[in-house]
Amino acid sequence: MQYTEVQKFRQWYIWLVIPITAAMLMFEFVYNYKTDNTSEFKYGFVFSIIPMLVLFLLWQLRLTYTIDNVGITYRFFPLTRSKHLPWTDVEAAYIRKYKPISEYGGWGLRSGFGSKNTAYNVAGNIGLQLILKNGKRFLLGTQSADELSAYMEELYRQGVVNKGEQVSNIKDRY
């Protein structure tokens, strides 16, 4: 028995803002080419390509994790290699609502400001919070909170991992 989730950056605003920016920069590039403005032409070409590269990278990014009785295997492709976190390294785990901006500075592969917090998230504000035995905290975002919660309840029932408890203000506890 295992739980697998794959998440991708598919928020509408990303796919609206970046192509519009790329189009405006490409328009400037073509305009400089047609007006023989060679000094601006060189820079225009470089700056018109950058948003397209960012779009390509965002299209490729995906968070994948698999949870089973042994632990969690996760990867943020293409930024990280596959990593495995065994349940023996986890003190407690629970599903919680979090504040992506204030706790982690946004979405993606994130670390809290000056803290022992790490998060891998793509969108939303619900995740699996892991309290590690070494004192660090690790959060995996989810887009399927109900399914993940049901799977975790089964792991708690089997005694694979301890169920942690959510506190109202996470900073009060750590």
N, C-alpha and C. Protein backbone atom coordinates (compact mmCIF):
# COMPACT_ATOMS: atom_id res chain seq x y z
N MET A 1 0.85 -1.17 0.00
CA MET A 1 0.00 0.00 0.00
C MET A 1 0.90 1.24 0.00
N GLN A 2 0.60 2.17 -0.89
CA GLN A 2 1.37 3.41 -0.94
C GLN A 2 0.50 4.54 -1.48
N TYR A 3 0.96 5.75 -1.18
CA TYR A 3 0.30 6.97 -1.66
C TYR A 3 1.30 7.72 -2.53
N THR A 4 0.90 8.12 -3.72
CA THR A 4 1.76 8.88 -4.62
C THR A 4 1.04 10.14 -5.07
N GLU A 5 1.79 11.24 -5.10
CA GLU A 5 1.22 12.51 -5.58
C GLU A 5 2.24 13.19 -6.48
N VAL A 6 1.75 13.71 -7.60
CA VAL A 6 2.59 14.47 -8.53
C VAL A 6 1.92 15.83 -8.70
N GLN A 7 2.70 16.90 -8.48
CA GLN A 7 2.17 18.26 -8.60
C GLN A 7 3.03 19.05 -9.59
N LYS A 8 2.36 19.90 -10.35
CA LYS A 8 3.07 20.74 -11.33
C LYS A 8 2.62 22.18 -11.17
N PHE A 9 3.50 23.10 -11.59
CA PHE A 9 3.14 24.52 -11.58
C PHE A 9 2.23 24.78 -12.78
N ARG A 10 0.94 24.86 -12.54
CA ARG A 10 -0.01 25.11 -13.62
C ARG A 10 -0.98 26.25 -13.27
N GLN A 11 -0.55 27.15 -12.39
CA GLN A 11 -1.40 28.27 -12.01
C GLN A 11 -1.61 29.18 -13.22
N TRP A 12 -2.81 29.63 -13.42
CA TRP A 12 -3.16 30.41 -14.61
C TRP A 12 -2.35 31.70 -14.72
N TYR A 13 -2.06 32.35 -13.60
CA TYR A 13 -1.37 33.64 -13.65
C TYR A 13 0.07 33.50 -14.14
N ILE A 14 0.70 32.36 -13.87
CA ILE A 14 2.05 32.14 -14.40
C ILE A 14 2.01 32.07 -15.91
N TRP A 15 1.02 31.35 -16.41
CA TRP A 15 0.93 31.12 -17.86
C TRP A 15 0.32 32.31 -18.58
N LEU A 16 -0.09 33.32 -17.86
CA LEU A 16 -0.57 34.56 -18.47
C LEU A 16 0.53 35.63 -18.44
N VAL A 17 1.14 35.85 -17.30
CA VAL A 17 2.11 36.93 -17.12
C VAL A 17 3.40 36.69 -17.90
N ILE A 18 3.98 35.53 -17.79
CA ILE A 18 5.27 35.29 -18.44
C ILE A 18 5.18 35.33 -19.97
N PRO A 19 4.18 34.72 -20.62
CA PRO A 19 4.12 34.84 -22.08
C PRO A 19 3.87 36.28 -22.55
N ILE A 20 3.09 37.05 -21.79
CA ILE A 20 2.88 38.45 -22.16
C ILE A 20 4.19 39.22 -22.06
N THR A 21 4.95 38.97 -21.00
CA THR A 21 6.26 39.60 -20.85
C THR A 21 7.18 39.20 -22.00
N ALA A 22 7.19 37.93 -22.33
CA ALA A 22 8.04 37.44 -23.43
C ALA A 22 7.63 38.08 -24.75
N ALA A 23 6.33 38.22 -24.98
CA ALA A 23 5.84 38.82 -26.22
C ALA A 23 6.25 40.29 -26.31
N MET A 24 6.15 41.00 -25.20
CA MET A 24 6.55 42.42 -25.21
C MET A 24 8.04 42.57 -25.48
N LEU A 25 8.85 41.72 -24.87
CA LEU A 25 10.29 41.78 -25.09
C LEU A 25 10.64 41.37 -26.52
N MET A 26 9.93 40.39 -27.05
CA MET A 26 10.17 39.97 -28.43
C MET A 26 9.78 41.08 -29.40
N PHE A 27 8.69 41.77 -29.11
CA PHE A 27 8.27 42.90 -29.94
C PHE A 27 9.36 43.97 -29.96
N GLU A 28 9.93 44.27 -28.79
CA GLU A 28 11.01 45.25 -28.72
C GLU A 28 12.22 44.78 -29.51
N PHE A 29 12.52 43.50 -29.42
CA PHE A 29 13.64 42.92 -30.17
C PHE A 29 13.44 43.11 -31.68
N VAL A 30 12.26 42.78 -32.18
CA VAL A 30 11.97 42.92 -33.61
C VAL A 30 12.00 44.39 -34.02
N TYR A 31 11.45 45.26 -33.19
CA TYR A 31 11.47 46.69 -33.49
C TYR A 31 12.91 47.21 -33.61
N ASN A 32 13.77 46.83 -32.68
CA ASN A 32 15.17 47.26 -32.73
C ASN A 32 15.88 46.69 -33.96
N TYR A 33 15.52 45.50 -34.37
CA TYR A 33 16.11 44.90 -35.55
C TYR A 33 15.71 45.67 -36.81
N LYS A 34 14.44 46.01 -36.90
CA LYS A 34 13.94 46.71 -38.08
C LYS A 34 14.44 48.15 -38.16
N THR A 35 14.73 48.75 -37.01
CA THR A 35 15.20 50.14 -37.02
C THR A 35 16.74 50.23 -37.00
N ASP A 36 17.41 49.09 -37.18
CA ASP A 36 18.88 49.04 -37.21
C ASP A 36 19.54 49.60 -35.96
N ASN A 37 18.91 49.44 -34.85
CA ASN A 37 19.48 49.87 -33.58
C ASN A 37 20.28 48.68 -33.03
N THR A 38 21.52 48.52 -33.49
CA THR A 38 22.30 47.32 -33.20
C THR A 38 22.67 47.16 -31.73
N SER A 39 22.93 48.26 -31.03
CA SER A 39 23.30 48.12 -29.62
C SER A 39 22.12 47.60 -28.81
N GLU A 40 20.93 48.09 -29.07
CA GLU A 40 19.74 47.61 -28.37
C GLU A 40 19.34 46.23 -28.86
N PHE A 41 19.67 45.92 -30.11
CA PHE A 41 19.32 44.63 -30.71
C PHE A 41 19.96 43.48 -29.94
N LYS A 42 21.23 43.60 -29.60
CA LYS A 42 21.94 42.53 -28.89
C LYS A 42 21.29 42.24 -27.54
N TYR A 43 21.00 43.29 -26.79
CA TYR A 43 20.39 43.10 -25.47
C TYR A 43 18.95 42.62 -25.60
N GLY A 44 18.25 43.12 -26.58
CA GLY A 44 16.85 42.73 -26.78
C GLY A 44 16.70 41.25 -27.03
N PHE A 45 17.63 40.69 -27.79
CA PHE A 45 17.57 39.26 -28.08
C PHE A 45 17.73 38.44 -26.80
N VAL A 46 18.72 38.78 -26.00
CA VAL A 46 18.97 38.05 -24.76
C VAL A 46 17.77 38.16 -23.83
N PHE A 47 17.27 39.37 -23.65
CA PHE A 47 16.16 39.57 -22.71
C PHE A 47 14.84 39.01 -23.22
N SER A 48 14.71 38.81 -24.51
CA SER A 48 13.48 38.20 -25.02
C SER A 48 13.51 36.68 -24.88
N ILE A 49 14.68 36.09 -24.76
CA ILE A 49 14.81 34.65 -24.60
C ILE A 49 14.62 34.22 -23.14
N ILE A 50 15.03 35.04 -22.20
CA ILE A 50 14.98 34.68 -20.77
C ILE A 50 13.58 34.26 -20.32
N PRO A 51 12.51 35.03 -20.62
CA PRO A 51 11.18 34.57 -20.17
C PRO A 51 10.78 33.23 -20.77
N MET A 52 11.23 32.96 -21.98
CA MET A 52 10.91 31.68 -22.59
C MET A 52 11.62 30.53 -21.85
N LEU A 53 12.84 30.78 -21.43
CA LEU A 53 13.58 29.77 -20.65
C LEU A 53 12.92 29.54 -19.29
N VAL A 54 12.46 30.63 -18.67
CA VAL A 54 11.76 30.52 -17.39
C VAL A 54 10.48 29.71 -17.57
N LEU A 55 9.73 29.98 -18.63
CA LEU A 55 8.51 29.22 -18.92
C LEU A 55 8.82 27.74 -19.09
N PHE A 56 9.88 27.45 -19.84
CA PHE A 56 10.26 26.05 -20.06
C PHE A 56 10.60 25.38 -18.74
N LEU A 57 11.37 26.06 -17.89
CA LEU A 57 11.73 25.50 -16.59
C LEU A 57 10.49 25.26 -15.73
N LEU A 58 9.59 26.23 -15.68
CA LEU A 58 8.37 26.07 -14.89
C LEU A 58 7.51 24.93 -15.41
N TRP A 59 7.50 24.74 -16.72
CA TRP A 59 6.72 23.65 -17.32
C TRP A 59 7.31 22.29 -16.90
N GLN A 60 8.62 22.23 -16.77
CA GLN A 60 9.30 20.98 -16.40
C GLN A 60 9.22 20.67 -14.90
N LEU A 61 9.13 21.71 -14.06
CA LEU A 61 9.14 21.51 -12.61
C LEU A 61 7.96 20.65 -12.16
N ARG A 62 8.28 19.68 -11.32
CA ARG A 62 7.21 18.88 -10.72
C ARG A 62 7.69 18.29 -9.40
N LEU A 63 6.79 18.30 -8.46
CA LEU A 63 7.03 17.71 -7.15
C LEU A 63 6.36 16.34 -7.15
N THR A 64 7.14 15.33 -6.88
CA THR A 64 6.63 13.96 -6.82
C THR A 64 7.03 13.36 -5.49
N TYR A 65 6.08 12.75 -4.82
CA TYR A 65 6.44 12.01 -3.62
C TYR A 65 5.57 10.77 -3.46
N THR A 66 6.19 9.77 -2.87
CA THR A 66 5.53 8.50 -2.61
C THR A 66 5.71 8.19 -1.12
N ILE A 67 4.61 7.84 -0.49
CA ILE A 67 4.62 7.50 0.93
C ILE A 67 4.22 6.04 1.06
N ASP A 68 4.98 5.29 1.85
CA ASP A 68 4.64 3.90 2.13
C ASP A 68 4.99 3.57 3.58
N ASN A 69 4.97 2.31 3.93
CA ASN A 69 5.25 1.90 5.32
C ASN A 69 6.70 2.11 5.73
N VAL A 70 7.59 2.31 4.76
CA VAL A 70 9.01 2.46 5.05
C VAL A 70 9.38 3.93 5.25
N GLY A 71 8.75 4.83 4.49
CA GLY A 71 9.05 6.25 4.58
C GLY A 71 8.51 7.02 3.40
N ILE A 72 9.15 8.14 3.11
CA ILE A 72 8.72 9.03 2.04
C ILE A 72 9.88 9.20 1.07
N THR A 73 9.60 9.00 -0.21
CA THR A 73 10.57 9.27 -1.27
C THR A 73 10.04 10.47 -2.03
N TYR A 74 10.86 11.50 -2.19
CA TYR A 74 10.40 12.73 -2.82
C TYR A 74 11.45 13.30 -3.76
N ARG A 75 10.98 14.09 -4.72
CA ARG A 75 11.88 14.76 -5.66
C ARG A 75 11.19 15.99 -6.23
N PHE A 76 11.96 17.05 -6.37
CA PHE A 76 11.50 18.26 -7.04
C PHE A 76 12.28 18.34 -8.35
N PHE A 77 11.75 17.68 -9.38
CA PHE A 77 12.43 17.58 -10.67
C PHE A 77 12.38 18.91 -11.41
N PRO A 78 13.41 19.37 -12.03
CA PRO A 78 14.76 18.85 -12.19
C PRO A 78 15.75 19.43 -11.18
N LEU A 79 15.26 20.05 -10.11
CA LEU A 79 16.15 20.74 -9.17
C LEU A 79 16.85 19.83 -8.17
N THR A 80 16.23 18.72 -7.81
CA THR A 80 16.84 17.84 -6.82
C THR A 80 16.82 16.39 -7.31
N ARG A 81 17.66 15.61 -6.71
CA ARG A 81 17.63 14.17 -6.95
C ARG A 81 16.58 13.56 -6.03
N SER A 82 16.23 12.35 -6.31
CA SER A 82 15.28 11.65 -5.46
C SER A 82 15.89 11.43 -4.08
N LYS A 83 15.11 11.72 -3.05
CA LYS A 83 15.57 11.56 -1.66
C LYS A 83 14.59 10.68 -0.92
N HIS A 84 15.10 9.97 0.06
CA HIS A 84 14.25 9.10 0.87
C HIS A 84 14.37 9.49 2.33
N LEU A 85 13.23 9.65 2.98
CA LEU A 85 13.18 9.96 4.40
C LEU A 85 12.47 8.80 5.10
N PRO A 86 13.21 7.97 5.85
CA PRO A 86 12.57 6.84 6.52
C PRO A 86 11.76 7.30 7.73
N TRP A 87 10.71 6.55 8.04
CA TRP A 87 9.87 6.88 9.18
C TRP A 87 10.66 6.84 10.49
N THR A 88 11.76 6.09 10.52
CA THR A 88 12.57 6.02 11.74
C THR A 88 13.21 7.37 12.07
N ASP A 89 13.30 8.27 11.09
CA ASP A 89 13.85 9.62 11.31
C ASP A 89 12.77 10.64 11.67
N VAL A 90 11.51 10.20 11.68
CA VAL A 90 10.38 11.12 11.89
C VAL A 90 9.78 10.89 13.27
N GLU A 91 9.71 11.96 14.03
CA GLU A 91 9.10 11.89 15.36
C GLU A 91 7.58 11.87 15.25
N ALA A 92 7.03 12.75 14.39
CA ALA A 92 5.58 12.84 14.23
C ALA A 92 5.25 13.43 12.87
N ALA A 93 4.03 13.18 12.42
CA ALA A 93 3.56 13.70 11.13
C ALA A 93 2.08 14.03 11.24
N TYR A 94 1.68 15.10 10.56
CA TYR A 94 0.27 15.46 10.54
C TYR A 94 -0.02 16.39 9.35
N ILE A 95 -1.26 16.41 8.95
CA ILE A 95 -1.71 17.29 7.87
C ILE A 95 -2.07 18.62 8.51
N ARG A 96 -1.63 19.71 7.89
CA ARG A 96 -1.94 21.03 8.46
C ARG A 96 -2.10 22.07 7.37
N LYS A 97 -2.76 23.15 7.77
CA LYS A 97 -2.86 24.34 6.94
C LYS A 97 -1.68 25.24 7.32
N TYR A 98 -1.02 25.81 6.32
CA TYR A 98 0.14 26.66 6.59
C TYR A 98 0.05 27.94 5.77
N LYS A 99 0.94 28.88 6.07
CA LYS A 99 0.98 30.16 5.37
C LYS A 99 2.23 30.19 4.49
N PRO A 100 2.08 29.90 3.19
CA PRO A 100 3.26 29.76 2.33
C PRO A 100 4.15 31.01 2.29
N ILE A 101 3.57 32.18 2.26
CA ILE A 101 4.37 33.41 2.15
C ILE A 101 5.08 33.73 3.46
N SER A 102 4.33 33.78 4.55
CA SER A 102 4.96 34.20 5.81
C SER A 102 5.84 33.12 6.44
N GLU A 103 5.50 31.85 6.26
CA GLU A 103 6.31 30.79 6.86
C GLU A 103 7.51 30.38 6.02
N TYR A 104 7.33 30.40 4.67
CA TYR A 104 8.38 29.88 3.81
C TYR A 104 8.82 30.83 2.70
N GLY A 105 8.17 31.96 2.58
CA GLY A 105 8.56 32.90 1.53
C GLY A 105 7.99 32.57 0.17
N GLY A 106 6.99 31.71 0.11
CA GLY A 106 6.34 31.39 -1.17
C GLY A 106 6.29 29.90 -1.44
N TRP A 107 6.22 29.57 -2.72
CA TRP A 107 6.08 28.18 -3.15
C TRP A 107 7.35 27.74 -3.86
N GLY A 108 7.53 26.46 -3.95
CA GLY A 108 8.71 25.90 -4.60
C GLY A 108 9.50 25.09 -3.60
N LEU A 109 10.80 25.12 -3.73
CA LEU A 109 11.71 24.46 -2.80
C LEU A 109 12.13 25.54 -1.83
N ARG A 110 11.55 25.56 -0.63
CA ARG A 110 11.67 26.72 0.25
C ARG A 110 12.22 26.37 1.63
N SER A 111 12.87 27.33 2.22
CA SER A 111 13.31 27.24 3.61
C SER A 111 12.79 28.46 4.34
N GLY A 112 12.39 28.26 5.58
CA GLY A 112 11.90 29.37 6.38
C GLY A 112 13.03 30.34 6.69
N PHE A 113 12.70 31.57 6.94
CA PHE A 113 13.68 32.60 7.21
C PHE A 113 14.37 32.34 8.54
N GLY A 114 15.64 31.97 8.49
CA GLY A 114 16.43 31.77 9.71
C GLY A 114 15.91 30.67 10.61
N SER A 115 15.30 29.65 10.04
CA SER A 115 14.75 28.59 10.88
C SER A 115 15.16 27.23 10.35
N LYS A 116 14.68 26.20 11.02
CA LYS A 116 14.96 24.83 10.61
C LYS A 116 13.81 24.27 9.78
N ASN A 117 13.03 25.13 9.17
CA ASN A 117 11.88 24.71 8.38
C ASN A 117 12.25 24.57 6.92
N THR A 118 11.78 23.51 6.28
CA THR A 118 11.93 23.33 4.84
C THR A 118 10.58 22.92 4.29
N ALA A 119 10.27 23.40 3.08
CA ALA A 119 9.01 23.03 2.44
C ALA A 119 9.25 22.76 0.97
N TYR A 120 8.58 21.75 0.47
CA TYR A 120 8.50 21.48 -0.96
C TYR A 120 7.02 21.64 -1.27
N ASN A 121 6.68 22.69 -1.99
CA ASN A 121 5.27 22.91 -2.30
C ASN A 121 5.13 23.56 -3.67
N VAL A 122 3.98 23.37 -4.28
CA VAL A 122 3.73 23.89 -5.62
C VAL A 122 2.61 24.92 -5.61
N ALA A 123 1.58 24.68 -4.85
CA ALA A 123 0.44 25.59 -4.79
C ALA A 123 -0.35 25.27 -3.53
N GLY A 124 -1.24 26.16 -3.18
CA GLY A 124 -2.12 25.90 -2.05
C GLY A 124 -1.48 26.18 -0.71
N ASN A 125 -2.17 25.73 0.35
CA ASN A 125 -1.71 26.01 1.71
C ASN A 125 -1.98 24.85 2.68
N ILE A 126 -2.02 23.64 2.15
CA ILE A 126 -2.20 22.46 2.99
C ILE A 126 -1.06 21.50 2.69
N GLY A 127 -0.51 20.90 3.74
CA GLY A 127 0.60 19.99 3.52
C GLY A 127 0.77 18.99 4.64
N LEU A 128 1.66 18.05 4.41
CA LEU A 128 2.03 17.05 5.39
C LEU A 128 3.24 17.59 6.16
N GLN A 129 3.04 17.91 7.42
CA GLN A 129 4.11 18.42 8.27
C GLN A 129 4.81 17.25 8.94
N LEU A 130 6.12 17.20 8.78
CA LEU A 130 6.93 16.17 9.43
C LEU A 130 7.82 16.83 10.47
N ILE A 131 7.77 16.33 11.68
CA ILE A 131 8.67 16.78 12.74
C ILE A 131 9.76 15.70 12.83
N LEU A 132 10.98 16.08 12.50
CA LEU A 132 12.06 15.11 12.47
C LEU A 132 12.71 14.96 13.85
N LYS A 133 13.32 13.85 14.08
CA LYS A 133 13.96 13.59 15.37
C LYS A 133 15.17 14.49 15.62
N ASN A 134 15.74 15.06 14.57
CA ASN A 134 16.89 15.96 14.73
C ASN A 134 16.46 17.40 15.01
N GLY A 135 15.15 17.63 15.19
CA GLY A 135 14.65 18.96 15.52
C GLY A 135 14.18 19.77 14.33
N LYS A 136 14.47 19.31 13.13
CA LYS A 136 14.04 20.04 11.94
C LYS A 136 12.60 19.69 11.60
N ARG A 137 12.00 20.58 10.81
CA ARG A 137 10.63 20.35 10.33
C ARG A 137 10.63 20.39 8.81
N PHE A 138 9.88 19.50 8.21
CA PHE A 138 9.83 19.37 6.76
C PHE A 138 8.37 19.28 6.35
N LEU A 139 7.98 20.09 5.36
CA LEU A 139 6.59 20.11 4.92
C LEU A 139 6.52 19.77 3.44
N LEU A 140 5.62 18.87 3.10
CA LEU A 140 5.33 18.54 1.70
C LEU A 140 3.93 19.03 1.40
N GLY A 141 3.81 19.95 0.44
CA GLY A 141 2.49 20.46 0.07
C GLY A 141 1.67 19.37 -0.60
N THR A 142 0.37 19.50 -0.52
CA THR A 142 -0.53 18.54 -1.16
C THR A 142 -1.66 19.25 -1.88
N GLN A 143 -2.11 18.65 -2.96
CA GLN A 143 -3.29 19.11 -3.66
C GLN A 143 -4.45 18.13 -3.45
N SER A 144 -4.18 17.09 -2.69
CA SER A 144 -5.18 16.04 -2.42
C SER A 144 -5.22 15.77 -0.92
N ALA A 145 -5.60 16.77 -0.16
CA ALA A 145 -5.54 16.69 1.30
C ALA A 145 -6.40 15.56 1.86
N ASP A 146 -7.58 15.35 1.32
CA ASP A 146 -8.46 14.31 1.85
C ASP A 146 -7.87 12.92 1.66
N GLU A 147 -7.32 12.65 0.46
CA GLU A 147 -6.73 11.34 0.20
C GLU A 147 -5.48 11.12 1.04
N LEU A 148 -4.64 12.15 1.12
CA LEU A 148 -3.42 12.04 1.92
C LEU A 148 -3.77 11.85 3.39
N SER A 149 -4.75 12.56 3.87
CA SER A 149 -5.18 12.43 5.27
C SER A 149 -5.67 11.01 5.56
N ALA A 150 -6.45 10.46 4.65
CA ALA A 150 -6.95 9.09 4.84
C ALA A 150 -5.80 8.09 4.85
N TYR A 151 -4.83 8.29 3.97
CA TYR A 151 -3.67 7.38 3.95
C TYR A 151 -2.86 7.51 5.24
N MET A 152 -2.64 8.73 5.68
CA MET A 152 -1.87 8.94 6.91
C MET A 152 -2.60 8.35 8.12
N GLU A 153 -3.92 8.44 8.16
CA GLU A 153 -4.69 7.84 9.26
C GLU A 153 -4.43 6.34 9.34
N GLU A 154 -4.30 5.70 8.19
CA GLU A 154 -4.00 4.27 8.17
C GLU A 154 -2.60 4.00 8.72
N LEU A 155 -1.62 4.85 8.38
CA LEU A 155 -0.27 4.69 8.92
C LEU A 155 -0.25 4.91 10.43
N TYR A 156 -1.04 5.88 10.92
CA TYR A 156 -1.12 6.10 12.37
C TYR A 156 -1.71 4.86 13.05
N ARG A 157 -2.77 4.33 12.45
CA ARG A 157 -3.46 3.17 13.00
C ARG A 157 -2.53 1.96 13.09
N GLN A 158 -1.67 1.80 12.07
CA GLN A 158 -0.73 0.68 12.03
C GLN A 158 0.48 0.91 12.94
N GLY A 159 0.64 2.12 13.46
CA GLY A 159 1.77 2.42 14.32
C GLY A 159 3.07 2.69 13.56
N VAL A 160 2.96 2.98 12.28
CA VAL A 160 4.15 3.25 11.46
C VAL A 160 4.78 4.58 11.84
N VAL A 161 3.94 5.58 12.10
CA VAL A 161 4.41 6.92 12.46
C VAL A 161 3.47 7.50 13.51
N ASN A 162 3.99 8.34 14.36
CA ASN A 162 3.17 8.99 15.38
C ASN A 162 2.42 10.16 14.77
N LYS A 163 1.20 10.34 15.24
CA LYS A 163 0.41 11.48 14.77
C LYS A 163 0.77 12.69 15.62
N GLY A 164 1.25 13.72 14.95
CA GLY A 164 1.55 14.98 15.64
C GLY A 164 0.28 15.78 15.82
N GLU A 165 0.40 16.87 16.50
CA GLU A 165 -0.76 17.73 16.68
C GLU A 165 -0.45 19.13 16.19
N GLN A 166 -1.41 19.67 15.49
CA GLN A 166 -1.24 21.02 14.98
C GLN A 166 -1.46 22.01 16.11
N VAL A 167 -0.60 23.05 16.16
CA VAL A 167 -0.77 24.11 17.14
C VAL A 167 -1.25 25.33 16.41
N SER A 168 -1.95 26.21 17.10
CA SER A 168 -2.51 27.37 16.44
C SER A 168 -1.43 28.30 15.91
N ASN A 169 -0.39 28.50 16.68
CA ASN A 169 0.72 29.33 16.21
C ASN A 169 1.97 28.47 16.21
N ILE A 170 2.42 28.07 15.04
CA ILE A 170 3.51 27.10 14.91
C ILE A 170 4.78 27.60 15.62
N LYS A 171 5.00 28.92 15.69
CA LYS A 171 6.21 29.46 16.31
C LYS A 171 6.18 29.32 17.83
N ASP A 172 4.99 29.15 18.42
CA ASP A 172 4.89 28.98 19.86
C ASP A 172 5.53 27.66 20.30
N ARG A 173 5.52 26.68 19.43
CA ARG A 173 5.99 25.35 19.81
C ARG A 173 7.49 25.19 19.55
N TYR A 174 8.04 25.84 18.56
CA TYR A 174 9.45 25.60 18.19
C TYR A 174 10.23 26.88 18.18
